[in-house]
């Protein structure tokens, strides 16, 4: 199990979900989801800088989860 594959793929999934949510917010503003992103992504706001901060944080979260998952998978006593 490669940490690079897991890290990149998880980061891509998170960023694509983020982009889809941002597009959805623009298409259907009455069902806006930016209130959900704010507590999960410190520094997030609906500005270019805030969106960029969200991208960076999601990539970091993807790698963080990948490190935890691969470590747990490699060193778990089961298997």
PDB file of N, CA and C in Angstrom:
ATOM      1  N   UNK A   1       0.845  -1.165   0.000  1.00  0.00           N
ATOM      2  CA  UNK A   1       0.000   0.000   0.000  1.00  0.00           C
ATOM      3  C   UNK A   1       0.899   1.239   0.000  1.00  0.00           C
ATOM      4  N   UNK A   2       0.725   2.056  -0.995  1.00  0.00           N
ATOM      5  CA  UNK A   2       1.565   3.239  -1.170  1.00  0.00           C
ATOM      6  C   UNK A   2       0.914   4.468  -0.541  1.00  0.00           C
ATOM      7  N   UNK A   3       1.665   5.123   0.312  1.00  0.00           N
ATOM      8  CA  UNK A   3       1.140   6.340   0.935  1.00  0.00           C
ATOM      9  C   UNK A   3       0.945   7.436  -0.108  1.00  0.00           C
ATOM     10  N   UNK A   4       1.775   7.444  -1.154  1.00  0.00           N
ATOM     11  CA  UNK A   4       1.619   8.452  -2.208  1.00  0.00           C
ATOM     12  C   UNK A   4       0.300   8.283  -2.946  1.00  0.00           C
ATOM     13  N   UNK A   5      -0.040   7.053  -3.290  1.00  0.00           N
ATOM     14  CA  UNK A   5      -1.306   6.814  -3.994  1.00  0.00           C
ATOM     15  C   UNK A   5      -2.495   7.203  -3.136  1.00  0.00           C
ATOM     16  N   UNK A   6      -2.469   6.785  -1.886  1.00  0.00           N
ATOM     17  CA  UNK A   6      -3.576   7.095  -0.987  1.00  0.00           C
ATOM     18  C   UNK A   6      -3.669   8.607  -0.763  1.00  0.00           C
ATOM     19  N   UNK A   7      -2.544   9.251  -0.520  1.00  0.00           N
ATOM     20  CA  UNK A   7      -2.537  10.694  -0.271  1.00  0.00           C
ATOM     21  C   UNK A   7      -3.035  11.495  -1.457  1.00  0.00           C
ATOM     22  N   UNK A   8      -2.524  11.177  -2.649  1.00  0.00           N
ATOM     23  CA  UNK A   8      -2.959  11.908  -3.838  1.00  0.00           C
ATOM     24  C   UNK A   8      -4.427  11.642  -4.147  1.00  0.00           C
ATOM     25  N   UNK A   9      -4.845  10.381  -4.088  1.00  0.00           N
ATOM     26  CA  UNK A   9      -6.226  10.068  -4.449  1.00  0.00           C
ATOM     27  C   UNK A   9      -7.210  10.670  -3.453  1.00  0.00           C
ATOM     28  N   UNK A  10      -6.899  10.612  -2.174  1.00  0.00           N
ATOM     29  CA  UNK A  10      -7.793  11.198  -1.183  1.00  0.00           C
ATOM     30  C   UNK A  10      -7.843  12.717  -1.321  1.00  0.00           C
ATOM     31  N   UNK A  11      -6.716  13.335  -1.584  1.00  0.00           N
ATOM     32  CA  UNK A  11      -6.691  14.788  -1.793  1.00  0.00           C
ATOM     33  C   UNK A  11      -7.498  15.181  -3.023  1.00  0.00           C
ATOM     34  N   UNK A  12      -7.396  14.405  -4.082  1.00  0.00           N
ATOM     35  CA  UNK A  12      -8.161  14.698  -5.301  1.00  0.00           C
ATOM     36  C   UNK A  12      -9.657  14.571  -5.033  1.00  0.00           C
ATOM     37  N   UNK A  13     -10.059  13.534  -4.327  1.00  0.00           N
ATOM     38  CA  UNK A  13     -11.478  13.355  -4.012  1.00  0.00           C
ATOM     39  C   UNK A  13     -12.000  14.537  -3.183  1.00  0.00           C
ATOM     40  N   UNK A  14     -11.236  14.961  -2.199  1.00  0.00           N
ATOM     41  CA  UNK A  14     -11.662  16.091  -1.371  1.00  0.00           C
ATOM     42  C   UNK A  14     -11.736  17.389  -2.170  1.00  0.00           C
ATOM     43  N   UNK A  15     -10.750  17.639  -3.016  1.00  0.00           N
ATOM     44  CA  UNK A  15     -10.736  18.877  -3.808  1.00  0.00           C
ATOM     45  C   UNK A  15     -11.867  18.873  -4.838  1.00  0.00           C
ATOM     46  N   UNK A  16     -12.120  17.744  -5.478  1.00  0.00           N
ATOM     47  CA  UNK A  16     -13.221  17.666  -6.448  1.00  0.00           C
ATOM     48  C   UNK A  16     -14.558  17.894  -5.742  1.00  0.00           C
ATOM     49  N   UNK A  17     -14.738  17.309  -4.568  1.00  0.00           N
ATOM     50  CA  UNK A  17     -15.966  17.537  -3.801  1.00  0.00           C
ATOM     51  C   UNK A  17     -16.116  19.011  -3.438  1.00  0.00           C
ATOM     52  N   UNK A  18     -15.021  19.622  -3.061  1.00  0.00           N
ATOM     53  CA  UNK A  18     -14.995  21.046  -2.710  1.00  0.00           C
ATOM     54  C   UNK A  18     -15.397  21.899  -3.912  1.00  0.00           C
ATOM     55  N   UNK A  19     -14.835  21.604  -5.065  1.00  0.00           N
ATOM     56  CA  UNK A  19     -15.167  22.352  -6.282  1.00  0.00           C
ATOM     57  C   UNK A  19     -16.640  22.178  -6.630  1.00  0.00           C
ATOM     58  N   UNK A  20     -17.135  20.944  -6.544  1.00  0.00           N
ATOM     59  CA  UNK A  20     -18.551  20.703  -6.835  1.00  0.00           C
ATOM     60  C   UNK A  20     -19.453  21.481  -5.876  1.00  0.00           C
ATOM     61  N   UNK A  21     -19.081  21.541  -4.613  1.00  0.00           N
ATOM     62  CA  UNK A  21     -19.866  22.310  -3.641  1.00  0.00           C
ATOM     63  C   UNK A  21     -19.837  23.800  -3.957  1.00  0.00           C
ATOM     64  N   UNK A  22     -18.675  24.311  -4.349  1.00  0.00           N
ATOM     65  CA  UNK A  22     -18.581  25.730  -4.697  1.00  0.00           C
ATOM     66  C   UNK A  22     -19.411  26.053  -5.938  1.00  0.00           C
ATOM     67  N   UNK A  23     -19.397  25.162  -6.923  1.00  0.00           N
ATOM     68  CA  UNK A  23     -20.213  25.360  -8.127  1.00  0.00           C
ATOM     69  C   UNK A  23     -21.693  25.289  -7.764  1.00  0.00           C
ATOM     70  N   UNK A  24     -22.060  24.315  -6.925  1.00  0.00           N
ATOM     71  CA  UNK A  24     -23.445  24.176  -6.484  1.00  0.00           C
ATOM     72  C   UNK A  24     -23.912  25.443  -5.770  1.00  0.00           C
ATOM     73  N   UNK A  25     -23.040  26.022  -4.953  1.00  0.00           N
ATOM     74  CA  UNK A  25     -23.388  27.265  -4.253  1.00  0.00           C
ATOM     75  C   UNK A  25     -23.706  28.390  -5.235  1.00  0.00           C
ATOM     76  N   UNK A  26     -23.003  28.429  -6.352  1.00  0.00           N
ATOM     77  CA  UNK A  26     -23.243  29.478  -7.339  1.00  0.00           C
ATOM     78  C   UNK A  26     -24.512  29.217  -8.148  1.00  0.00           C
ATOM     79  N   UNK A  27     -24.797  27.940  -8.410  1.00  0.00           N
ATOM     80  CA  UNK A  27     -25.974  27.597  -9.206  1.00  0.00           C
ATOM     81  C   UNK A  27     -27.268  27.691  -8.400  1.00  0.00           C
ATOM     82  N   UNK A  28     -27.213  27.270  -7.149  1.00  0.00           N
ATOM     83  CA  UNK A  28     -28.404  27.236  -6.300  1.00  0.00           C
ATOM     84  C   UNK A  28     -28.071  27.927  -4.973  1.00  0.00           C
ATOM     85  N   UNK A  29     -28.043  29.249  -4.949  1.00  0.00           N
ATOM     86  CA  UNK A  29     -27.582  29.953  -3.746  1.00  0.00           C
ATOM     87  C   UNK A  29     -28.480  29.767  -2.518  1.00  0.00           C
ATOM     88  N   UNK A  30     -29.756  29.448  -2.711  1.00  0.00           N
ATOM     89  CA  UNK A  30     -30.618  29.274  -1.544  1.00  0.00           C
ATOM     90  C   UNK A  30     -30.275  28.003  -0.763  1.00  0.00           C
ATOM     91  N   UNK A  31     -29.550  27.080  -1.373  1.00  0.00           N
ATOM     92  CA  UNK A  31     -29.097  25.865  -0.685  1.00  0.00           C
ATOM     93  C   UNK A  31     -27.584  25.903  -0.486  1.00  0.00           C
ATOM     94  N   UNK A  32     -27.075  27.059  -0.218  1.00  0.00           N
ATOM     95  CA  UNK A  32     -25.634  27.266  -0.093  1.00  0.00           C
ATOM     96  C   UNK A  32     -25.030  26.390   0.998  1.00  0.00           C
ATOM     97  N   UNK A  33     -23.836  25.882   0.716  1.00  0.00           N
ATOM     98  CA  UNK A  33     -23.172  24.980   1.648  1.00  0.00           C
ATOM     99  C   UNK A  33     -21.921  25.596   2.249  1.00  0.00           C
ATOM    100  N   UNK A  34     -21.673  26.878   2.006  1.00  0.00           N
ATOM    101  CA  UNK A  34     -20.437  27.463   2.535  1.00  0.00           C
ATOM    102  C   UNK A  34     -20.446  27.553   4.059  1.00  0.00           C
ATOM    103  N   UNK A  35     -21.626  27.529   4.677  1.00  0.00           N
ATOM    104  CA  UNK A  35     -21.673  27.507   6.139  1.00  0.00           C
ATOM    105  C   UNK A  35     -21.103  26.200   6.685  1.00  0.00           C
ATOM    106  N   UNK A  36     -21.220  25.126   5.909  1.00  0.00           N
ATOM    107  CA  UNK A  36     -20.668  23.845   6.337  1.00  0.00           C
ATOM    108  C   UNK A  36     -19.142  23.844   6.251  1.00  0.00           C
ATOM    109  N   UNK A  37     -18.597  24.506   5.237  1.00  0.00           N
ATOM    110  CA  UNK A  37     -17.144  24.497   5.056  1.00  0.00           C
ATOM    111  C   UNK A  37     -16.431  25.340   6.104  1.00  0.00           C
ATOM    112  N   UNK A  38     -17.055  26.403   6.578  1.00  0.00           N
ATOM    113  CA  UNK A  38     -16.382  27.342   7.485  1.00  0.00           C
ATOM    114  C   UNK A  38     -15.839  26.683   8.758  1.00  0.00           C
ATOM    115  N   UNK A  39     -16.606  25.851   9.484  1.00  0.00           N
ATOM    116  CA  UNK A  39     -16.020  25.234  10.685  1.00  0.00           C
ATOM    117  C   UNK A  39     -14.963  24.177  10.364  1.00  0.00           C
ATOM    118  N   UNK A  40     -15.073  23.539   9.212  1.00  0.00           N
ATOM    119  CA  UNK A  40     -14.127  22.484   8.847  1.00  0.00           C
ATOM    120  C   UNK A  40     -12.815  23.033   8.306  1.00  0.00           C
ATOM    121  N   UNK A  41     -12.869  24.212   7.717  1.00  0.00           N
ATOM    122  CA  UNK A  41     -11.693  24.804   7.081  1.00  0.00           C
ATOM    123  C   UNK A  41     -11.422  26.181   7.680  1.00  0.00           C
ATOM    124  N   UNK A  42     -10.588  26.263   8.703  1.00  0.00           N
ATOM    125  CA  UNK A  42     -10.284  27.566   9.302  1.00  0.00           C
ATOM    126  C   UNK A  42      -9.697  28.529   8.267  1.00  0.00           C
ATOM    127  N   UNK A  43     -10.218  29.726   8.231  1.00  0.00           N
ATOM    128  CA  UNK A  43      -9.752  30.722   7.276  1.00  0.00           C
ATOM    129  C   UNK A  43     -10.557  30.746   5.993  1.00  0.00           C
ATOM    130  N   UNK A  44     -11.499  29.808   5.834  1.00  0.00           N
ATOM    131  CA  UNK A  44     -12.309  29.757   4.622  1.00  0.00           C
ATOM    132  C   UNK A  44     -13.315  30.892   4.612  1.00  0.00           C
ATOM    133  N   UNK A  45     -13.448  31.515   3.459  1.00  0.00           N
ATOM    134  CA  UNK A  45     -14.505  32.482   3.187  1.00  0.00           C
ATOM    135  C   UNK A  45     -14.748  32.441   1.686  1.00  0.00           C
ATOM    136  N   UNK A  46     -15.832  33.036   1.255  1.00  0.00           N
ATOM    137  CA  UNK A  46     -16.154  33.006  -0.168  1.00  0.00           C
ATOM    138  C   UNK A  46     -15.460  34.183  -0.858  1.00  0.00           C
ATOM    139  N   UNK A  47     -14.140  34.113  -0.864  1.00  0.00           N
ATOM    140  CA  UNK A  47     -13.282  35.046  -1.591  1.00  0.00           C
ATOM    141  C   UNK A  47     -12.212  34.198  -2.273  1.00  0.00           C
ATOM    142  N   UNK A  48     -11.473  34.783  -3.178  1.00  0.00           N
ATOM    143  CA  UNK A  48     -10.422  34.007  -3.846  1.00  0.00           C
ATOM    144  C   UNK A  48      -9.378  33.513  -2.853  1.00  0.00           C
ATOM    145  N   UNK A  49      -8.992  34.358  -1.917  1.00  0.00           N
ATOM    146  CA  UNK A  49      -8.007  33.936  -0.913  1.00  0.00           C
ATOM    147  C   UNK A  49      -8.580  32.843  -0.016  1.00  0.00           C
ATOM    148  N   UNK A  50      -9.833  32.987   0.390  1.00  0.00           N
ATOM    149  CA  UNK A  50     -10.466  31.977   1.236  1.00  0.00           C
ATOM    150  C   UNK A  50     -10.623  30.645   0.533  1.00  0.00           C
ATOM    151  N   UNK A  51     -10.960  30.683  -0.746  1.00  0.00           N
ATOM    152  CA  UNK A  51     -11.091  29.450  -1.523  1.00  0.00           C
ATOM    153  C   UNK A  51      -9.732  28.783  -1.681  1.00  0.00           C
ATOM    154  N   UNK A  52      -8.688  29.567  -1.909  1.00  0.00           N
ATOM    155  CA  UNK A  52      -7.334  29.010  -2.016  1.00  0.00           C
ATOM    156  C   UNK A  52      -6.904  28.374  -0.700  1.00  0.00           C
ATOM    157  N   UNK A  53      -7.226  29.021   0.415  1.00  0.00           N
ATOM    158  CA  UNK A  53      -6.918  28.439   1.723  1.00  0.00           C
ATOM    159  C   UNK A  53      -7.644  27.110   1.882  1.00  0.00           C
ATOM    160  N   UNK A  54      -8.889  27.047   1.423  1.00  0.00           N
ATOM    161  CA  UNK A  54      -9.651  25.800   1.476  1.00  0.00           C
ATOM    162  C   UNK A  54      -8.986  24.688   0.684  1.00  0.00           C
ATOM    163  N   UNK A  55      -8.476  25.005  -0.508  1.00  0.00           N
ATOM    164  CA  UNK A  55      -7.767  24.002  -1.311  1.00  0.00           C
ATOM    165  C   UNK A  55      -6.557  23.455  -0.561  1.00  0.00           C
ATOM    166  N   UNK A  56      -5.765  24.347  -0.013  1.00  0.00           N
ATOM    167  CA  UNK A  56      -4.550  23.930   0.701  1.00  0.00           C
ATOM    168  C   UNK A  56      -4.911  23.070   1.905  1.00  0.00           C
ATOM    169  N   UNK A  57      -5.921  23.482   2.651  1.00  0.00           N
ATOM    170  CA  UNK A  57      -6.317  22.714   3.830  1.00  0.00           C
ATOM    171  C   UNK A  57      -6.862  21.346   3.459  1.00  0.00           C
ATOM    172  N   UNK A  58      -7.621  21.254   2.386  1.00  0.00           N
ATOM    173  CA  UNK A  58      -8.150  19.953   1.979  1.00  0.00           C
ATOM    174  C   UNK A  58      -7.042  19.014   1.529  1.00  0.00           C
ATOM    175  N   UNK A  59      -6.056  19.537   0.843  1.00  0.00           N
ATOM    176  CA  UNK A  59      -4.918  18.701   0.452  1.00  0.00           C
ATOM    177  C   UNK A  59      -4.178  18.221   1.696  1.00  0.00           C
ATOM    178  N   UNK A  60      -3.998  19.111   2.663  1.00  0.00           N
ATOM    179  CA  UNK A  60      -3.341  18.718   3.918  1.00  0.00           C
ATOM    180  C   UNK A  60      -4.164  17.675   4.665  1.00  0.00           C
ATOM    181  N   UNK A  61      -5.483  17.843   4.715  1.00  0.00           N
ATOM    182  CA  UNK A  61      -6.339  16.854   5.372  1.00  0.00           C
ATOM    183  C   UNK A  61      -6.249  15.505   4.669  1.00  0.00           C
ATOM    184  N   UNK A  62      -6.216  15.519   3.338  1.00  0.00           N
ATOM    185  CA  UNK A  62      -6.100  14.270   2.589  1.00  0.00           C
ATOM    186  C   UNK A  62      -4.828  13.519   2.931  1.00  0.00           C
ATOM    187  N   UNK A  63      -3.719  14.234   3.002  1.00  0.00           N
ATOM    188  CA  UNK A  63      -2.445  13.594   3.344  1.00  0.00           C
ATOM    189  C   UNK A  63      -2.414  13.144   4.794  1.00  0.00           C
ATOM    190  N   UNK A  64      -3.017  13.918   5.674  1.00  0.00           N
ATOM    191  CA  UNK A  64      -3.068  13.547   7.089  1.00  0.00           C
ATOM    192  C   UNK A  64      -3.824  12.229   7.272  1.00  0.00           C
ATOM    193  N   UNK A  65      -4.982  12.124   6.652  1.00  0.00           N
ATOM    194  CA  UNK A  65      -5.768  10.892   6.748  1.00  0.00           C
ATOM    195  C   UNK A  65      -5.024   9.739   6.088  1.00  0.00           C
ATOM    196  N   UNK A  66      -4.349   9.992   4.980  1.00  0.00           N
ATOM    197  CA  UNK A  66      -3.582   8.936   4.309  1.00  0.00           C
ATOM    198  C   UNK A  66      -2.473   8.409   5.205  1.00  0.00           C
ATOM    199  N   UNK A  67      -1.764   9.296   5.878  1.00  0.00           N
ATOM    200  CA  UNK A  67      -0.689   8.866   6.784  1.00  0.00           C
ATOM    201  C   UNK A  67      -1.262   8.007   7.903  1.00  0.00           C
ATOM    202  N   UNK A  68      -2.360   8.447   8.495  1.00  0.00           N
ATOM    203  CA  UNK A  68      -2.980   7.664   9.568  1.00  0.00           C
ATOM    204  C   UNK A  68      -3.448   6.303   9.071  1.00  0.00           C
ATOM    205  N   UNK A  69      -4.083   6.279   7.903  1.00  0.00           N
ATOM    206  CA  UNK A  69      -4.623   5.034   7.365  1.00  0.00           C
ATOM    207  C   UNK A  69      -3.511   4.050   7.012  1.00  0.00           C
ATOM    208  N   UNK A  70      -2.505   4.514   6.306  1.00  0.00           N
ATOM    209  CA  UNK A  70      -1.414   3.623   5.898  1.00  0.00           C
ATOM    210  C   UNK A  70      -0.647   3.126   7.120  1.00  0.00           C
ATOM    211  N   UNK A  71      -0.399   3.994   8.076  1.00  0.00           N
ATOM    212  CA  UNK A  71       0.277   3.573   9.304  1.00  0.00           C
ATOM    213  C   UNK A  71      -0.537   2.500  10.018  1.00  0.00           C
ATOM    214  N   UNK A  72      -1.838   2.726  10.159  1.00  0.00           N
ATOM    215  CA  UNK A  72      -2.696   1.745  10.831  1.00  0.00           C
ATOM    216  C   UNK A  72      -2.746   0.439  10.047  1.00  0.00           C
ATOM    217  N   UNK A  73      -2.771   0.520   8.738  1.00  0.00           N
ATOM    218  CA  UNK A  73      -2.840  -0.688   7.914  1.00  0.00           C
ATOM    219  C   UNK A  73      -1.538  -1.487   8.003  1.00  0.00           C
ATOM    220  N   UNK A  74      -0.423  -0.805   7.939  1.00  0.00           N
ATOM    221  CA  UNK A  74       0.875  -1.495   7.955  1.00  0.00           C
ATOM    222  C   UNK A  74       1.200  -2.114   9.305  1.00  0.00           C
ATOM    223  N   UNK A  75       0.839  -1.449  10.370  1.00  0.00           N
ATOM    224  CA  UNK A  75       1.273  -1.882  11.693  1.00  0.00           C
ATOM    225  C   UNK A  75       0.159  -2.472  12.553  1.00  0.00           C
ATOM    226  N   UNK A  76      -0.981  -2.758  11.950  1.00  0.00           N
ATOM    227  CA  UNK A  76      -2.041  -3.392  12.735  1.00  0.00           C
ATOM    228  C   UNK A  76      -1.705  -4.871  12.924  1.00  0.00           C
ATOM    229  N   UNK A  77      -2.037  -5.431  14.066  1.00  0.00           N
ATOM    230  CA  UNK A  77      -1.708  -6.832  14.324  1.00  0.00           C
ATOM    231  C   UNK A  77      -2.595  -7.811  13.567  1.00  0.00           C
ATOM    232  N   UNK A  78      -3.691  -7.346  13.016  1.00  0.00           N
ATOM    233  CA  UNK A  78      -4.605  -8.225  12.287  1.00  0.00           C
ATOM    234  C   UNK A  78      -4.095  -8.393  10.864  1.00  0.00           C
ATOM    235  N   UNK A  79      -4.122  -9.595  10.363  1.00  0.00           N
ATOM    236  CA  UNK A  79      -3.766  -9.802   8.967  1.00  0.00           C
ATOM    237  C   UNK A  79      -2.543 -10.570   8.811  1.00  0.00           C
TER     238      UNK A  79
END
